[in-house]
């Protein structure tokens, strides 16, 4: 099955924050962060069910080399990416953010 990939508007802010943080640490590191994020997003689009469900119907894919995770849901033939969050984030805050984004962005 071929899935379409949809990024919520909030994801742009998530990725930009990560990009700038890593770019400050080393020139080109922010680019690597985004490259890995987009490569994994394409992997998720091709095979979204390979990653396990971690909270309600949200699945998580960990970025390689960076302590971030992509949170998404599968809805019929769509993969909806809800967030790109640092793994050290408080789990309660993370769950609240995912619930708010889901509520504010009905499919």
N, C-alpha and C. Protein backbone atom coordinates (compact mmCIF):
# COMPACT_ATOMS: atom_id res chain seq x y z
N UNK A 1 0.83 -1.18 0.00
CA UNK A 1 0.00 0.00 0.00
C UNK A 1 0.88 1.24 0.00
N UNK A 2 0.48 2.25 -0.74
CA UNK A 2 1.20 3.51 -0.79
C UNK A 2 0.46 4.51 0.09
N UNK A 3 1.19 5.10 1.02
CA UNK A 3 0.62 6.08 1.95
C UNK A 3 1.01 7.49 1.53
N UNK A 4 0.10 8.42 1.77
CA UNK A 4 0.47 9.82 1.59
C UNK A 4 1.00 10.33 2.92
N UNK A 5 1.84 11.34 2.87
CA UNK A 5 2.49 11.87 4.06
C UNK A 5 2.02 13.30 4.28
N UNK A 6 1.55 13.58 5.48
CA UNK A 6 1.05 14.90 5.83
C UNK A 6 1.78 15.38 7.08
N UNK A 7 2.38 16.57 7.00
CA UNK A 7 3.04 17.18 8.14
C UNK A 7 2.13 18.26 8.71
N UNK A 8 1.91 18.24 10.02
CA UNK A 8 1.16 19.32 10.66
C UNK A 8 1.98 20.60 10.61
N UNK A 9 1.32 21.76 10.61
CA UNK A 9 2.06 23.04 10.58
C UNK A 9 3.05 23.19 11.74
N UNK A 10 2.72 22.64 12.91
CA UNK A 10 3.60 22.75 14.07
C UNK A 10 4.94 22.05 13.86
N UNK A 11 4.95 21.10 12.96
CA UNK A 11 6.17 20.34 12.70
C UNK A 11 7.28 21.24 12.13
N UNK A 12 6.89 22.26 11.39
CA UNK A 12 7.88 23.18 10.84
C UNK A 12 8.65 23.86 11.96
N UNK A 13 7.95 24.30 12.99
CA UNK A 13 8.61 24.94 14.13
C UNK A 13 9.52 23.94 14.85
N UNK A 14 9.04 22.71 15.03
CA UNK A 14 9.85 21.67 15.68
C UNK A 14 11.17 21.46 14.94
N UNK A 15 11.08 21.33 13.62
CA UNK A 15 12.28 21.04 12.84
C UNK A 15 13.21 22.24 12.75
N UNK A 16 12.65 23.44 12.67
CA UNK A 16 13.49 24.64 12.60
C UNK A 16 14.25 24.83 13.91
N UNK A 17 13.59 24.61 15.04
CA UNK A 17 14.27 24.73 16.34
C UNK A 17 15.44 23.76 16.43
N UNK A 18 15.19 22.50 16.03
CA UNK A 18 16.26 21.51 16.05
C UNK A 18 17.40 21.87 15.11
N UNK A 19 17.04 22.34 13.92
CA UNK A 19 18.04 22.74 12.93
C UNK A 19 18.96 23.81 13.49
N UNK A 20 18.38 24.89 14.01
CA UNK A 20 19.20 26.00 14.50
C UNK A 20 20.03 25.61 15.72
N UNK A 21 19.47 24.79 16.60
CA UNK A 21 20.23 24.36 17.77
C UNK A 21 21.48 23.60 17.33
N UNK A 22 21.30 22.65 16.41
CA UNK A 22 22.44 21.85 15.97
C UNK A 22 23.39 22.65 15.09
N UNK A 23 22.89 23.57 14.31
CA UNK A 23 23.75 24.39 13.46
C UNK A 23 24.65 25.28 14.32
N UNK A 24 24.16 25.71 15.48
CA UNK A 24 24.99 26.49 16.41
C UNK A 24 26.11 25.63 16.99
N UNK A 25 25.87 24.34 17.12
CA UNK A 25 26.88 23.43 17.67
C UNK A 25 27.98 23.12 16.67
N UNK A 26 27.64 23.16 15.40
CA UNK A 26 28.64 22.88 14.36
C UNK A 26 28.05 23.12 12.98
N UNK A 27 28.79 23.80 12.16
CA UNK A 27 28.31 24.11 10.81
C UNK A 27 28.05 22.80 10.06
N UNK A 28 26.85 22.70 9.51
CA UNK A 28 26.46 21.50 8.77
C UNK A 28 25.72 20.47 9.61
N UNK A 29 25.79 20.60 10.93
CA UNK A 29 25.12 19.63 11.80
C UNK A 29 23.60 19.78 11.71
N UNK A 30 23.13 21.01 11.59
CA UNK A 30 21.69 21.24 11.40
C UNK A 30 21.20 20.63 10.10
N UNK A 31 22.02 20.73 9.06
CA UNK A 31 21.68 20.12 7.77
C UNK A 31 21.58 18.60 7.90
N UNK A 32 22.50 18.01 8.64
CA UNK A 32 22.46 16.56 8.88
C UNK A 32 21.19 16.17 9.62
N UNK A 33 20.83 16.97 10.61
CA UNK A 33 19.60 16.74 11.38
C UNK A 33 18.38 16.71 10.45
N UNK A 34 18.26 17.72 9.60
CA UNK A 34 17.11 17.76 8.67
C UNK A 34 17.16 16.63 7.65
N UNK A 35 18.35 16.32 7.15
CA UNK A 35 18.49 15.24 6.17
C UNK A 35 18.01 13.91 6.75
N UNK A 36 18.41 13.63 7.98
CA UNK A 36 17.99 12.39 8.64
C UNK A 36 16.49 12.40 8.90
N UNK A 37 15.97 13.54 9.33
CA UNK A 37 14.53 13.66 9.57
C UNK A 37 13.74 13.36 8.29
N UNK A 38 14.12 13.98 7.18
CA UNK A 38 13.37 13.77 5.94
C UNK A 38 13.56 12.36 5.38
N UNK A 39 14.73 11.78 5.55
CA UNK A 39 14.94 10.40 5.10
C UNK A 39 14.06 9.44 5.89
N UNK A 40 13.98 9.64 7.21
CA UNK A 40 13.13 8.78 8.02
C UNK A 40 11.65 9.02 7.74
N UNK A 41 11.29 10.25 7.43
CA UNK A 41 9.90 10.54 7.06
C UNK A 41 9.50 9.75 5.82
N UNK A 42 10.40 9.67 4.87
CA UNK A 42 10.12 8.89 3.66
C UNK A 42 10.04 7.40 3.99
N UNK A 43 10.89 6.93 4.89
CA UNK A 43 10.84 5.53 5.32
C UNK A 43 9.49 5.24 6.01
N UNK A 44 9.05 6.17 6.84
CA UNK A 44 7.76 6.03 7.51
C UNK A 44 6.63 5.98 6.48
N UNK A 45 6.70 6.85 5.48
CA UNK A 45 5.67 6.88 4.43
C UNK A 45 5.57 5.53 3.72
N UNK A 46 6.71 4.92 3.45
CA UNK A 46 6.72 3.64 2.73
C UNK A 46 6.24 2.47 3.59
N UNK A 47 6.57 2.52 4.88
CA UNK A 47 6.24 1.38 5.75
C UNK A 47 5.94 1.87 7.18
N UNK A 48 4.81 2.55 7.38
CA UNK A 48 4.54 3.17 8.68
C UNK A 48 4.25 2.19 9.82
N UNK A 49 3.84 0.99 9.50
CA UNK A 49 3.46 0.06 10.56
C UNK A 49 4.64 -0.66 11.19
N UNK A 50 5.84 -0.42 10.69
CA UNK A 50 7.02 -1.08 11.23
C UNK A 50 7.39 -0.53 12.62
N UNK A 51 7.00 0.71 12.90
CA UNK A 51 7.31 1.31 14.20
C UNK A 51 6.14 1.11 15.15
N UNK A 52 6.47 0.86 16.41
CA UNK A 52 5.43 0.48 17.35
C UNK A 52 4.65 1.69 17.88
N UNK A 53 3.45 1.40 18.34
CA UNK A 53 2.60 2.40 18.96
C UNK A 53 3.11 2.63 20.38
N UNK A 54 3.25 3.92 20.75
CA UNK A 54 3.81 4.25 22.06
C UNK A 54 2.83 5.00 22.96
N UNK A 55 1.85 5.66 22.38
CA UNK A 55 0.87 6.41 23.16
C UNK A 55 -0.41 6.51 22.35
N UNK A 56 -1.47 5.97 22.90
CA UNK A 56 -2.75 5.89 22.19
C UNK A 56 -2.48 5.32 20.81
N UNK A 57 -2.81 6.05 19.73
CA UNK A 57 -2.55 5.53 18.39
C UNK A 57 -1.35 6.22 17.72
N UNK A 58 -0.51 6.85 18.53
CA UNK A 58 0.70 7.49 18.01
C UNK A 58 1.84 6.48 17.97
N UNK A 59 2.57 6.52 16.88
CA UNK A 59 3.76 5.70 16.70
C UNK A 59 4.99 6.60 16.80
N UNK A 60 6.13 5.98 17.06
CA UNK A 60 7.36 6.75 17.24
C UNK A 60 8.49 6.14 16.43
N UNK A 61 9.23 7.00 15.77
CA UNK A 61 10.43 6.61 15.04
C UNK A 61 11.58 7.46 15.57
N UNK A 62 12.61 6.80 16.09
CA UNK A 62 13.77 7.51 16.64
C UNK A 62 14.73 7.90 15.53
N UNK A 63 15.22 9.14 15.59
CA UNK A 63 16.21 9.59 14.62
C UNK A 63 17.55 8.95 14.93
N UNK A 64 18.24 8.56 13.91
CA UNK A 64 19.58 8.02 14.08
C UNK A 64 20.53 9.20 14.30
N UNK A 65 21.41 9.06 15.27
CA UNK A 65 22.45 10.04 15.55
C UNK A 65 21.99 11.25 16.36
N UNK A 66 20.71 11.52 16.42
CA UNK A 66 20.19 12.66 17.16
C UNK A 66 19.13 12.17 18.16
N UNK A 67 19.08 12.77 19.37
CA UNK A 67 18.12 12.32 20.37
C UNK A 67 16.72 12.91 20.17
N UNK A 68 16.17 12.68 18.99
CA UNK A 68 14.84 13.16 18.63
C UNK A 68 14.00 11.99 18.14
N UNK A 69 12.69 12.18 18.20
CA UNK A 69 11.77 11.16 17.71
C UNK A 69 10.67 11.82 16.90
N UNK A 70 10.24 11.12 15.87
CA UNK A 70 9.11 11.55 15.04
C UNK A 70 7.88 10.83 15.58
N UNK A 71 6.83 11.59 15.86
CA UNK A 71 5.57 11.02 16.34
C UNK A 71 4.53 11.19 15.24
N UNK A 72 3.85 10.09 14.93
CA UNK A 72 2.90 10.11 13.82
C UNK A 72 1.77 9.12 14.07
N UNK A 73 0.73 9.27 13.26
CA UNK A 73 -0.41 8.36 13.29
C UNK A 73 -0.68 7.89 11.86
N UNK A 74 -1.23 6.70 11.77
CA UNK A 74 -1.64 6.16 10.47
C UNK A 74 -3.16 6.19 10.44
N UNK A 75 -3.70 6.82 9.40
CA UNK A 75 -5.14 6.92 9.24
C UNK A 75 -5.49 6.49 7.81
N UNK A 76 -5.94 5.26 7.68
CA UNK A 76 -6.26 4.66 6.39
C UNK A 76 -5.04 4.71 5.49
N UNK A 77 -5.05 5.56 4.46
CA UNK A 77 -3.93 5.61 3.52
C UNK A 77 -3.04 6.83 3.75
N UNK A 78 -3.17 7.46 4.92
CA UNK A 78 -2.38 8.65 5.25
C UNK A 78 -1.50 8.41 6.47
N UNK A 79 -0.33 9.00 6.42
CA UNK A 79 0.56 9.06 7.58
C UNK A 79 0.59 10.53 7.97
N UNK A 80 0.17 10.83 9.19
CA UNK A 80 0.12 12.21 9.67
C UNK A 80 1.20 12.37 10.72
N UNK A 81 2.17 13.24 10.44
CA UNK A 81 3.28 13.48 11.36
C UNK A 81 2.89 14.64 12.27
N UNK A 82 2.85 14.36 13.57
CA UNK A 82 2.40 15.33 14.57
C UNK A 82 3.52 16.09 15.24
N UNK A 83 4.69 15.52 15.29
CA UNK A 83 5.75 16.22 15.98
C UNK A 83 7.11 15.60 15.83
N UNK A 84 8.11 16.42 16.06
CA UNK A 84 9.50 16.03 16.11
C UNK A 84 10.01 16.55 17.44
N UNK A 85 10.14 15.66 18.42
CA UNK A 85 10.42 16.07 19.78
C UNK A 85 11.73 15.49 20.30
N UNK A 86 12.38 16.25 21.14
CA UNK A 86 13.61 15.79 21.81
C UNK A 86 13.23 14.65 22.76
N UNK A 87 14.04 13.64 22.82
CA UNK A 87 13.73 12.46 23.64
C UNK A 87 13.83 12.71 25.14
N UNK A 88 14.47 13.79 25.56
CA UNK A 88 14.57 14.10 26.98
C UNK A 88 13.35 14.86 27.49
N UNK A 89 12.42 15.11 26.60
CA UNK A 89 11.22 15.86 26.98
C UNK A 89 10.39 15.07 27.99
N UNK A 90 9.80 15.77 28.93
CA UNK A 90 8.95 15.15 29.94
C UNK A 90 7.81 14.39 29.26
N UNK A 91 7.63 13.10 29.56
CA UNK A 91 6.58 12.31 28.91
C UNK A 91 5.17 12.90 29.07
N UNK A 92 4.89 13.50 30.22
CA UNK A 92 3.57 14.11 30.40
C UNK A 92 3.38 15.30 29.47
N UNK A 93 4.42 16.12 29.33
CA UNK A 93 4.36 17.27 28.43
C UNK A 93 4.23 16.80 26.98
N UNK A 94 4.95 15.76 26.64
CA UNK A 94 4.89 15.20 25.30
C UNK A 94 3.48 14.70 24.97
N UNK A 95 2.90 13.94 25.87
CA UNK A 95 1.55 13.42 25.66
C UNK A 95 0.54 14.56 25.54
N UNK A 96 0.70 15.58 26.36
CA UNK A 96 -0.20 16.73 26.30
C UNK A 96 -0.06 17.43 24.93
N UNK A 97 1.17 17.62 24.48
CA UNK A 97 1.40 18.26 23.19
C UNK A 97 0.78 17.46 22.04
N UNK A 98 0.95 16.15 22.07
CA UNK A 98 0.37 15.31 21.02
C UNK A 98 -1.15 15.38 21.05
N UNK A 99 -1.74 15.34 22.24
CA UNK A 99 -3.20 15.41 22.35
C UNK A 99 -3.74 16.74 21.85
N UNK A 100 -3.05 17.83 22.18
CA UNK A 100 -3.47 19.16 21.73
C UNK A 100 -3.36 19.26 20.21
N UNK A 101 -2.26 18.79 19.67
CA UNK A 101 -2.08 18.86 18.21
C UNK A 101 -3.12 18.01 17.49
N UNK A 102 -3.46 16.86 18.06
CA UNK A 102 -4.47 16.02 17.45
C UNK A 102 -5.83 16.71 17.50
N UNK A 103 -6.14 17.32 18.62
CA UNK A 103 -7.42 18.03 18.78
C UNK A 103 -7.50 19.23 17.83
N UNK A 104 -6.40 19.98 17.71
CA UNK A 104 -6.40 21.20 16.90
C UNK A 104 -6.29 20.94 15.40
N UNK A 105 -5.95 19.72 15.03
CA UNK A 105 -5.76 19.38 13.61
C UNK A 105 -6.54 18.13 13.25
N UNK A 106 -7.87 18.20 13.29
CA UNK A 106 -8.64 17.01 12.92
C UNK A 106 -8.40 16.66 11.46
N UNK A 107 -8.36 15.37 11.19
CA UNK A 107 -8.08 14.93 9.81
C UNK A 107 -9.23 15.26 8.91
